[in-house]
């Protein structure tokens, strides 16, 4: 009680307006609110604010706010733009499509490409062999490329003489078997040895791809049993897997022979076909 009221024993003067407001506030808070949520409602807090204040832990509160924590594992959805310098330390996984615009650098020991089926299979680029303050550029050609690929190469020999007894026909010698695939580039070479047992003749050799000749040459022999050796080579780009065959023809008589063994006498080395994959 104020001193003046105590001295003259008068009743103190009380501002009824604020007293009534205080009375209503406490009546509402303590008489109608039986839970913490009820108290928050009574105090006028919105449902959004109440959810944050009622969150069981910080992670739940961040979920409500749509915020990202500085520790722990979380997923950030939607499109996000980071301006300025952004540093990612530790192991970083980019799932789905990721676009890196501008100049981006990564340590050659830290950036790996992993297998889609087995993430333990990894590859990385090593650049420490490049001269100081130098940038080397790897330019990709307009085709599929296998880095460090060991390209296929094989030679097949004729293992027995073939009688060329029809001047209109080509007689097949060794072949490559089905090789390659669409888009691959191959070097195909053939050595074809022939003679005519009856006299001089025009002897023709070619490389056949299953539908036509891709290389063809002919030469005349000087007489009976005179061996003619023809060499052919061509680079081809495949449209599909292909079998290449070395073929011979005697244009003059039915007494021609496609030889397995030539004048050197080494068995089964006179007629052959070789295919080497270039890309």
C-alpha atoms as a PDB file:
ATOM      1  CA  UNK A   1       0.000   0.000   0.000  1.00  0.00           C
ATOM      2  CA  UNK A   2       1.385   3.482  -0.813  1.00  0.00           C
ATOM      3  CA  UNK A   3       2.652   5.495   2.199  1.00  0.00           C
ATOM      4  CA  UNK A   4      -0.007   8.226   1.859  1.00  0.00           C
ATOM      5  CA  UNK A   5      -2.773   5.665   1.996  1.00  0.00           C
ATOM      6  CA  UNK A   6      -1.175   4.135   5.043  1.00  0.00           C
ATOM      7  CA  UNK A   7      -0.987   7.484   6.878  1.00  0.00           C
ATOM      8  CA  UNK A   8      -4.507   8.627   6.207  1.00  0.00           C
ATOM      9  CA  UNK A   9      -5.910   5.112   6.125  1.00  0.00           C
ATOM     10  CA  UNK A  10      -7.576   5.804   2.754  1.00  0.00           C
ATOM     11  CA  UNK A  11      -8.184   3.153   0.040  1.00  0.00           C
ATOM     12  CA  UNK A  12      -5.564   3.077  -2.743  1.00  0.00           C
ATOM     13  CA  UNK A  13      -6.595   4.046  -6.249  1.00  0.00           C
ATOM     14  CA  UNK A  14      -6.198   1.167  -8.799  1.00  0.00           C
ATOM     15  CA  UNK A  15      -6.336   1.507 -12.606  1.00  0.00           C
ATOM     16  CA  UNK A  16      -9.211  -0.847 -13.321  1.00  0.00           C
ATOM     17  CA  UNK A  17      -8.478  -1.193 -17.053  1.00  0.00           C
ATOM     18  CA  UNK A  18      -5.064  -2.832 -16.814  1.00  0.00           C
ATOM     19  CA  UNK A  19      -6.153  -4.804 -13.763  1.00  0.00           C
ATOM     20  CA  UNK A  20      -9.106  -6.231 -15.646  1.00  0.00           C
ATOM     21  CA  UNK A  21      -6.881  -7.087 -18.626  1.00  0.00           C
ATOM     22  CA  UNK A  22      -4.426  -8.853 -16.344  1.00  0.00           C
ATOM     23  CA  UNK A  23      -7.270 -10.722 -14.696  1.00  0.00           C
ATOM     24  CA  UNK A  24      -8.616 -11.904 -18.073  1.00  0.00           C
ATOM     25  CA  UNK A  25      -5.133 -12.984 -19.230  1.00  0.00           C
ATOM     26  CA  UNK A  26      -4.414 -15.124 -16.173  1.00  0.00           C
ATOM     27  CA  UNK A  27      -7.945 -16.480 -16.066  1.00  0.00           C
ATOM     28  CA  UNK A  28      -7.662 -17.584 -19.690  1.00  0.00           C
ATOM     29  CA  UNK A  29      -4.158 -18.992 -19.254  1.00  0.00           C
ATOM     30  CA  UNK A  30      -4.618 -20.948 -16.058  1.00  0.00           C
ATOM     31  CA  UNK A  31      -8.313 -21.787 -16.107  1.00  0.00           C
ATOM     32  CA  UNK A  32      -8.773 -22.862 -19.783  1.00  0.00           C
ATOM     33  CA  UNK A  33      -5.258 -24.068 -20.755  1.00  0.00           C
ATOM     34  CA  UNK A  34      -4.586 -27.529 -19.392  1.00  0.00           C
ATOM     35  CA  UNK A  35      -1.601 -28.337 -21.644  1.00  0.00           C
ATOM     36  CA  UNK A  36       1.449 -26.543 -22.954  1.00  0.00           C
ATOM     37  CA  UNK A  37      -0.193 -26.396 -26.377  1.00  0.00           C
ATOM     38  CA  UNK A  38      -3.315 -24.919 -24.862  1.00  0.00           C
ATOM     39  CA  UNK A  39      -1.238 -22.301 -23.067  1.00  0.00           C
ATOM     40  CA  UNK A  40       0.471 -21.350 -26.344  1.00  0.00           C
ATOM     41  CA  UNK A  41      -2.900 -21.029 -28.024  1.00  0.00           C
ATOM     42  CA  UNK A  42      -4.166 -18.922 -25.155  1.00  0.00           C
ATOM     43  CA  UNK A  43      -1.131 -16.681 -25.507  1.00  0.00           C
ATOM     44  CA  UNK A  44      -1.962 -16.136 -29.184  1.00  0.00           C
ATOM     45  CA  UNK A  45       0.855 -18.158 -30.798  1.00  0.00           C
ATOM     46  CA  UNK A  46       0.077 -19.378 -34.328  1.00  0.00           C
ATOM     47  CA  UNK A  47       0.034 -23.089 -35.184  1.00  0.00           C
ATOM     48  CA  UNK A  48       3.275 -22.644 -37.164  1.00  0.00           C
ATOM     49  CA  UNK A  49       5.101 -21.136 -34.170  1.00  0.00           C
ATOM     50  CA  UNK A  50       3.617 -23.750 -31.852  1.00  0.00           C
ATOM     51  CA  UNK A  51       4.974 -26.534 -34.081  1.00  0.00           C
ATOM     52  CA  UNK A  52       8.472 -25.084 -33.841  1.00  0.00           C
ATOM     53  CA  UNK A  53       8.277 -24.636 -30.085  1.00  0.00           C
ATOM     54  CA  UNK A  54       6.853 -28.140 -29.623  1.00  0.00           C
ATOM     55  CA  UNK A  55       9.495 -29.834 -31.826  1.00  0.00           C
ATOM     56  CA  UNK A  56      11.049 -32.778 -30.004  1.00  0.00           C
ATOM     57  CA  UNK A  57      14.509 -31.938 -31.290  1.00  0.00           C
ATOM     58  CA  UNK A  58      16.414 -29.499 -33.483  1.00  0.00           C
ATOM     59  CA  UNK A  59      16.038 -31.696 -36.585  1.00  0.00           C
ATOM     60  CA  UNK A  60      12.245 -31.623 -36.286  1.00  0.00           C
ATOM     61  CA  UNK A  61      12.308 -27.841 -35.907  1.00  0.00           C
ATOM     62  CA  UNK A  62      14.499 -27.509 -39.012  1.00  0.00           C
ATOM     63  CA  UNK A  63      12.061 -29.664 -40.946  1.00  0.00           C
ATOM     64  CA  UNK A  64       9.242 -27.322 -40.017  1.00  0.00           C
ATOM     65  CA  UNK A  65      11.292 -24.294 -41.002  1.00  0.00           C
ATOM     66  CA  UNK A  66      12.601 -25.929 -44.201  1.00  0.00           C
ATOM     67  CA  UNK A  67      16.114 -25.287 -42.930  1.00  0.00           C
ATOM     68  CA  UNK A  68      19.277 -27.361 -43.334  1.00  0.00           C
ATOM     69  CA  UNK A  69      21.462 -28.292 -40.383  1.00  0.00           C
ATOM     70  CA  UNK A  70      25.213 -27.830 -40.297  1.00  0.00           C
ATOM     71  CA  UNK A  71      25.794 -31.367 -39.023  1.00  0.00           C
ATOM     72  CA  UNK A  72      24.233 -34.754 -39.639  1.00  0.00           C
ATOM     73  CA  UNK A  73      22.818 -36.327 -42.809  1.00  0.00           C
ATOM     74  CA  UNK A  74      20.019 -34.538 -44.628  1.00  0.00           C
ATOM     75  CA  UNK A  75      18.519 -34.378 -48.127  1.00  0.00           C
ATOM     76  CA  UNK A  76      18.048 -31.005 -49.801  1.00  0.00           C
ATOM     77  CA  UNK A  77      15.314 -31.063 -52.458  1.00  0.00           C
ATOM     78  CA  UNK A  78      14.577 -28.648 -55.283  1.00  0.00           C
ATOM     79  CA  UNK A  79      16.894 -26.442 -57.332  1.00  0.00           C
ATOM     80  CA  UNK A  80      19.535 -24.544 -55.372  1.00  0.00           C
ATOM     81  CA  UNK A  81      21.949 -21.919 -56.659  1.00  0.00           C
ATOM     82  CA  UNK A  82      25.248 -21.257 -54.868  1.00  0.00           C
ATOM     83  CA  UNK A  83      26.886 -18.003 -55.893  1.00  0.00           C
ATOM     84  CA  UNK A  84      30.475 -17.155 -55.158  1.00  0.00           C
ATOM     85  CA  UNK A  85      33.097 -19.666 -54.112  1.00  0.00           C
ATOM     86  CA  UNK A  86      31.730 -22.956 -52.805  1.00  0.00           C
ATOM     87  CA  UNK A  87      34.017 -25.436 -51.064  1.00  0.00           C
ATOM     88  CA  UNK A  88      33.007 -29.070 -50.642  1.00  0.00           C
ATOM     89  CA  UNK A  89      35.281 -30.919 -48.230  1.00  0.00           C
ATOM     90  CA  UNK A  90      35.243 -34.597 -47.477  1.00  0.00           C
ATOM     91  CA  UNK A  91      33.458 -37.210 -49.566  1.00  0.00           C
ATOM     92  CA  UNK A  92      30.804 -35.627 -51.798  1.00  0.00           C
ATOM     93  CA  UNK A  93      28.237 -37.593 -53.808  1.00  0.00           C
ATOM     94  CA  UNK A  94      26.284 -35.987 -56.657  1.00  0.00           C
ATOM     95  CA  UNK A  95      23.204 -38.053 -57.503  1.00  0.00           C
ATOM     96  CA  UNK A  96      21.203 -37.488 -60.671  1.00  0.00           C
ATOM     97  CA  UNK A  97      22.042 -34.833 -63.238  1.00  0.00           C
ATOM     98  CA  UNK A  98      24.567 -32.236 -62.027  1.00  0.00           C
ATOM     99  CA  UNK A  99      25.653 -29.169 -64.002  1.00  0.00           C
ATOM    100  CA  UNK A 100      28.875 -27.372 -63.082  1.00  0.00           C
ATOM    101  CA  UNK A 101      29.057 -23.969 -64.755  1.00  0.00           C
ATOM    102  CA  UNK A 102      32.160 -21.834 -64.925  1.00  0.00           C
ATOM    103  CA  UNK A 103      35.667 -22.953 -64.012  1.00  0.00           C
ATOM    104  CA  UNK A 104      35.613 -25.966 -61.714  1.00  0.00           C
ATOM    105  CA  UNK A 105      38.699 -27.607 -60.231  1.00  0.00           C
ATOM    106  CA  UNK A 106      39.119 -30.872 -58.378  1.00  0.00           C
ATOM    107  CA  UNK A 107      42.211 -32.618 -57.037  1.00  0.00           C
ATOM    108  CA  UNK A 108      43.184 -35.514 -59.269  1.00  0.00           C
ATOM    109  CA  UNK A 109      43.459 -37.727 -56.176  1.00  0.00           C
ATOM    110  CA  UNK A 110      39.964 -36.831 -55.008  1.00  0.00           C
ATOM    111  CA  UNK A 111      37.778 -36.969 -58.113  1.00  0.00           C
ATOM    112  CA  UNK A 112      36.723 -40.467 -59.172  1.00  0.00           C
ATOM    113  CA  UNK A 113      34.285 -41.965 -61.654  1.00  0.00           C
ATOM    114  CA  UNK A 114      32.649 -45.047 -60.151  1.00  0.00           C
ATOM    115  CA  UNK A 115      30.879 -47.970 -61.761  1.00  0.00           C
ATOM    116  CA  UNK A 116      27.087 -47.729 -62.005  1.00  0.00           C
ATOM    117  CA  UNK A 117      26.751 -51.393 -61.057  1.00  0.00           C
ATOM    118  CA  UNK A 118      29.665 -51.663 -58.629  1.00  0.00           C
ATOM    119  CA  UNK A 119      30.858 -48.493 -56.902  1.00  0.00           C
ATOM    120  CA  UNK A 120      34.081 -50.214 -55.842  1.00  0.00           C
ATOM    121  CA  UNK A 121      35.219 -49.994 -59.487  1.00  0.00           C
ATOM    122  CA  UNK A 122      36.742 -46.547 -59.847  1.00  0.00           C
ATOM    123  CA  UNK A 123      38.813 -44.500 -62.292  1.00  0.00           C
ATOM    124  CA  UNK A 124      40.554 -41.159 -61.922  1.00  0.00           C
ATOM    125  CA  UNK A 125      42.759 -38.829 -63.956  1.00  0.00           C
ATOM    126  CA  UNK A 126      46.391 -38.231 -62.965  1.00  0.00           C
ATOM    127  CA  UNK A 127      47.860 -34.859 -64.050  1.00  0.00           C
ATOM    128  CA  UNK A 128      50.989 -34.484 -61.926  1.00  0.00           C
ATOM    129  CA  UNK A 129      53.110 -35.285 -64.981  1.00  0.00           C
ATOM    130  CA  UNK A 130      52.047 -32.015 -66.648  1.00  0.00           C
ATOM    131  CA  UNK A 131      54.584 -29.155 -66.607  1.00  0.00           C
ATOM    132  CA  UNK A 132      54.117 -26.395 -64.011  1.00  0.00           C
ATOM    133  CA  UNK A 133      51.636 -23.643 -64.973  1.00  0.00           C
ATOM    134  CA  UNK A 134      50.511 -25.664 -68.001  1.00  0.00           C
ATOM    135  CA  UNK A 135      47.041 -26.857 -69.013  1.00  0.00           C
ATOM    136  CA  UNK A 136      46.720 -29.888 -71.254  1.00  0.00           C
ATOM    137  CA  UNK A 137      43.466 -30.481 -73.136  1.00  0.00           C
ATOM    138  CA  UNK A 138      41.928 -33.873 -73.820  1.00  0.00           C
ATOM    139  CA  UNK A 139      39.853 -33.499 -76.994  1.00  0.00           C
ATOM    140  CA  UNK A 140      37.197 -36.139 -77.646  1.00  0.00           C
ATOM    141  CA  UNK A 141      36.686 -37.127 -81.305  1.00  0.00           C
ATOM    142  CA  UNK A 142      33.200 -37.499 -82.756  1.00  0.00           C
ATOM    143  CA  UNK A 143      33.060 -41.239 -82.090  1.00  0.00           C
ATOM    144  CA  UNK A 144      33.216 -43.724 -79.255  1.00  0.00           C
ATOM    145  CA  UNK A 145      36.750 -44.135 -77.923  1.00  0.00           C
ATOM    146  CA  UNK A 146      38.270 -46.785 -75.683  1.00  0.00           C
ATOM    147  CA  UNK A 147      41.249 -45.319 -73.818  1.00  0.00           C
ATOM    148  CA  UNK A 148      44.198 -47.674 -73.855  1.00  0.00           C
ATOM    149  CA  UNK A 149      42.211 -50.318 -75.709  1.00  0.00           C
ATOM    150  CA  UNK A 150      44.144 -53.244 -77.142  1.00  0.00           C
ATOM    151  CA  UNK A 151      42.719 -53.402 -80.636  1.00  0.00           C
ATOM    152  CA  UNK A 152      42.014 -56.714 -82.300  1.00  0.00           C
ATOM    153  CA  UNK A 153      44.416 -58.026 -84.932  1.00  0.00           C
ATOM    154  CA  UNK A 154      44.582 -61.452 -86.527  1.00  0.00           C
ATOM    155  CA  UNK A 155      45.968 -63.211 -89.611  1.00  0.00           C
ATOM    156  CA  UNK A 156      44.458 -66.301 -91.214  1.00  0.00           C
ATOM    157  CA  UNK A 157      46.363 -68.483 -93.710  1.00  0.00           C
ATOM    158  CA  UNK A 158      45.208 -70.781 -96.487  1.00  0.00           C
ATOM    159  CA  UNK A 159      45.933 -74.380 -95.442  1.00  0.00           C
ATOM    160  CA  UNK A 160      45.492 -76.163 -98.770  1.00  0.00           C
ATOM    161  CA  UNK A 161      45.630 -75.370-102.494  1.00  0.00           C
ATOM    162  CA  UNK A 162      42.358 -74.407-104.180  1.00  0.00           C
ATOM    163  CA  UNK A 163      41.731 -75.324-107.847  1.00  0.00           C
ATOM    164  CA  UNK A 164      40.405 -72.356-109.833  1.00  0.00           C
ATOM    165  CA  UNK A 165      38.594 -74.323-112.548  1.00  0.00           C
ATOM    166  CA  UNK A 166      36.095 -71.765-113.820  1.00  0.00           C
ATOM    167  CA  UNK A 167      37.183 -68.520-115.452  1.00  0.00           C
ATOM    168  CA  UNK A 168      33.956 -66.790-114.363  1.00  0.00           C
ATOM    169  CA  UNK A 169      34.210 -67.614-110.667  1.00  0.00           C
ATOM    170  CA  UNK A 170      36.160 -66.238-107.719  1.00  0.00           C
ATOM    171  CA  UNK A 171      37.525 -68.936-105.424  1.00  0.00           C
ATOM    172  CA  UNK A 172      37.689 -68.275-101.714  1.00  0.00           C
ATOM    173  CA  UNK A 173      40.825 -68.538 -99.667  1.00  0.00           C
ATOM    174  CA  UNK A 174      41.188 -67.632 -95.971  1.00  0.00           C
ATOM    175  CA  UNK A 175      38.760 -65.290 -94.220  1.00  0.00           C
ATOM    176  CA  UNK A 176      38.751 -63.187 -91.081  1.00  0.00           C
ATOM    177  CA  UNK A 177      35.581 -64.601 -89.603  1.00  0.00           C
ATOM    178  CA  UNK A 178      32.917 -62.136 -88.439  1.00  0.00           C
ATOM    179  CA  UNK A 179      34.690 -59.148 -86.918  1.00  0.00           C
ATOM    180  CA  UNK A 180      33.936 -55.657 -85.639  1.00  0.00           C
ATOM    181  CA  UNK A 181      30.802 -53.575 -85.199  1.00  0.00           C
ATOM    182  CA  UNK A 182      29.185 -50.533 -86.752  1.00  0.00           C
ATOM    183  CA  UNK A 183      31.400 -47.438 -86.658  1.00  0.00           C
ATOM    184  CA  UNK A 184      34.681 -49.270 -86.128  1.00  0.00           C
ATOM    185  CA  UNK A 185      37.591 -48.634 -88.494  1.00  0.00           C
ATOM    186  CA  UNK A 186      39.678 -51.598 -89.693  1.00  0.00           C
ATOM    187  CA  UNK A 187      42.759 -52.144 -91.845  1.00  0.00           C
ATOM    188  CA  UNK A 188      42.325 -55.262 -94.006  1.00  0.00           C
ATOM    189  CA  UNK A 189      45.320 -56.715 -95.884  1.00  0.00           C
ATOM    190  CA  UNK A 190      45.638 -59.770 -98.089  1.00  0.00           C
ATOM    191  CA  UNK A 191      48.481 -61.633 -99.818  1.00  0.00           C
ATOM    192  CA  UNK A 192      47.271 -63.934-102.588  1.00  0.00           C
ATOM    193  CA  UNK A 193      49.579 -66.380-104.402  1.00  0.00           C
ATOM    194  CA  UNK A 194      48.429 -68.076-107.629  1.00  0.00           C
ATOM    195  CA  UNK A 195      49.690 -69.834-110.769  1.00  0.00           C
ATOM    196  CA  UNK A 196      48.382 -71.521-113.885  1.00  0.00           C
ATOM    197  CA  UNK A 197      49.589 -75.064-114.536  1.00  0.00           C
ATOM    198  CA  UNK A 198      49.005 -74.884-118.320  1.00  0.00           C
ATOM    199  CA  UNK A 199      50.549 -71.620-119.426  1.00  0.00           C
ATOM    200  CA  UNK A 200      50.519 -67.830-119.189  1.00  0.00           C
ATOM    201  CA  UNK A 201      47.357 -66.387-117.638  1.00  0.00           C
ATOM    202  CA  UNK A 202      45.765 -63.283-116.158  1.00  0.00           C
ATOM    203  CA  UNK A 203      45.382 -63.912-112.438  1.00  0.00           C
ATOM    204  CA  UNK A 204      43.137 -61.727-110.308  1.00  0.00           C
ATOM    205  CA  UNK A 205      42.934 -61.335-106.531  1.00  0.00           C
ATOM    206  CA  UNK A 206      40.454 -59.427-104.396  1.00  0.00           C
ATOM    207  CA  UNK A 207      39.193 -58.822-100.845  1.00  0.00           C
ATOM    208  CA  UNK A 208      35.501 -59.671-100.591  1.00  0.00           C
ATOM    209  CA  UNK A 209      33.276 -58.298 -97.786  1.00  0.00           C
ATOM    210  CA  UNK A 210      30.259 -60.527 -98.319  1.00  0.00           C
ATOM    211  CA  UNK A 211      28.524 -58.284-100.809  1.00  0.00           C
ATOM    212  CA  UNK A 212      31.278 -57.092-103.127  1.00  0.00           C
ATOM    213  CA  UNK A 213      34.975 -56.479-103.675  1.00  0.00           C
ATOM    214  CA  UNK A 214      36.548 -53.733-101.576  1.00  0.00           C
ATOM    215  CA  UNK A 215      40.008 -54.179-103.142  1.00  0.00           C
ATOM    216  CA  UNK A 216      40.858 -55.842-106.472  1.00  0.00           C
ATOM    217  CA  UNK A 217      44.029 -56.272-108.580  1.00  0.00           C
ATOM    218  CA  UNK A 218      45.199 -58.537-111.430  1.00  0.00           C
ATOM    219  CA  UNK A 219      48.511 -59.433-113.047  1.00  0.00           C
ATOM    220  CA  UNK A 220      49.662 -61.667-115.872  1.00  0.00           C
ATOM    221  CA  UNK A 221      51.865 -64.704-115.310  1.00  0.00           C
ATOM    222  CA  UNK A 222      54.728 -65.272-117.761  1.00  0.00           C
ATOM    223  CA  UNK A 223      54.133 -68.971-118.339  1.00  0.00           C
ATOM    224  CA  UNK A 224      53.377 -72.385-116.922  1.00  0.00           C
ATOM    225  CA  UNK A 225      53.609 -72.630-113.131  1.00  0.00           C
ATOM    226  CA  UNK A 226      54.861 -69.043-112.871  1.00  0.00           C
ATOM    227  CA  UNK A 227      53.764 -67.838-109.410  1.00  0.00           C
ATOM    228  CA  UNK A 228      52.081 -64.448-109.154  1.00  0.00           C
ATOM    229  CA  UNK A 229      51.840 -62.816-105.710  1.00  0.00           C
ATOM    230  CA  UNK A 230      49.282 -60.040-105.270  1.00  0.00           C
ATOM    231  CA  UNK A 231      49.175 -57.733-102.227  1.00  0.00           C
ATOM    232  CA  UNK A 232      46.053 -55.761-101.349  1.00  0.00           C
ATOM    233  CA  UNK A 233      45.186 -53.460 -98.425  1.00  0.00           C
ATOM    234  CA  UNK A 234      42.356 -51.120 -97.556  1.00  0.00           C
ATOM    235  CA  UNK A 235      40.992 -49.200 -94.558  1.00  0.00           C
ATOM    236  CA  UNK A 236      37.250 -49.630 -94.068  1.00  0.00           C
ATOM    237  CA  UNK A 237      34.648 -48.254 -91.663  1.00  0.00           C
ATOM    238  CA  UNK A 238      32.171 -50.969 -90.781  1.00  0.00           C
ATOM    239  CA  UNK A 239      28.396 -50.636 -90.843  1.00  0.00           C
ATOM    240  CA  UNK A 240      28.029 -53.970 -89.046  1.00  0.00           C
ATOM    241  CA  UNK A 241      30.064 -57.031 -88.116  1.00  0.00           C
ATOM    242  CA  UNK A 242      31.722 -58.238 -91.340  1.00  0.00           C
ATOM    243  CA  UNK A 243      33.610 -61.241 -92.693  1.00  0.00           C
ATOM    244  CA  UNK A 244      36.432 -60.451 -95.132  1.00  0.00           C
ATOM    245  CA  UNK A 245      37.693 -63.114 -97.538  1.00  0.00           C
ATOM    246  CA  UNK A 246      40.754 -63.325 -99.790  1.00  0.00           C
ATOM    247  CA  UNK A 247      39.684 -64.643-103.208  1.00  0.00           C
ATOM    248  CA  UNK A 248      41.432 -65.599-106.425  1.00  0.00           C
ATOM    249  CA  UNK A 249      40.421 -66.054-110.075  1.00  0.00           C
ATOM    250  CA  UNK A 250      42.088 -67.270-113.245  1.00  0.00           C
ATOM    251  CA  UNK A 251      40.650 -65.127-116.041  1.00  0.00           C
ATOM    252  CA  UNK A 252      42.362 -67.163-118.786  1.00  0.00           C
ATOM    253  CA  UNK A 253      41.990 -70.905-118.215  1.00  0.00           C
ATOM    254  CA  UNK A 254      40.493 -73.515-115.923  1.00  0.00           C
ATOM    255  CA  UNK A 255      43.950 -74.624-114.782  1.00  0.00           C
ATOM    256  CA  UNK A 256      44.610 -71.943-112.195  1.00  0.00           C
ATOM    257  CA  UNK A 257      45.579 -72.715-108.606  1.00  0.00           C
ATOM    258  CA  UNK A 258      45.226 -70.606-105.443  1.00  0.00           C
ATOM    259  CA  UNK A 259      48.361 -71.568-103.522  1.00  0.00           C
ATOM    260  CA  UNK A 260      48.785 -72.411 -99.839  1.00  0.00           C
ATOM    261  CA  UNK A 261      52.562 -72.836-100.177  1.00  0.00           C
ATOM    262  CA  UNK A 262      54.681 -70.575-102.336  1.00  0.00           C
ATOM    263  CA  UNK A 263      58.124 -70.656-103.882  1.00  0.00           C
ATOM    264  CA  UNK A 264      59.838 -70.211-100.516  1.00  0.00           C
ATOM    265  CA  UNK A 265      58.573 -73.633 -99.545  1.00  0.00           C
ATOM    266  CA  UNK A 266      57.173 -72.668 -96.132  1.00  0.00           C
ATOM    267  CA  UNK A 267      53.962 -74.614 -95.767  1.00  0.00           C
ATOM    268  CA  UNK A 268      50.642 -72.773 -95.706  1.00  0.00           C
ATOM    269  CA  UNK A 269      52.092 -69.236 -95.669  1.00  0.00           C
ATOM    270  CA  UNK A 270      51.622 -68.121 -99.272  1.00  0.00           C
ATOM    271  CA  UNK A 271      48.032 -66.826 -99.108  1.00  0.00           C
ATOM    272  CA  UNK A 272      46.726 -64.966 -96.074  1.00  0.00           C
ATOM    273  CA  UNK A 273      44.377 -62.262 -94.887  1.00  0.00           C
ATOM    274  CA  UNK A 274      44.971 -59.915 -91.924  1.00  0.00           C
ATOM    275  CA  UNK A 275      42.572 -57.554 -90.157  1.00  0.00           C
ATOM    276  CA  UNK A 276      43.682 -54.865 -87.660  1.00  0.00           C
ATOM    277  CA  UNK A 277      41.226 -52.704 -85.761  1.00  0.00           C
ATOM    278  CA  UNK A 278      42.247 -49.037 -85.850  1.00  0.00           C
ATOM    279  CA  UNK A 279      39.420 -47.469 -83.819  1.00  0.00           C
END
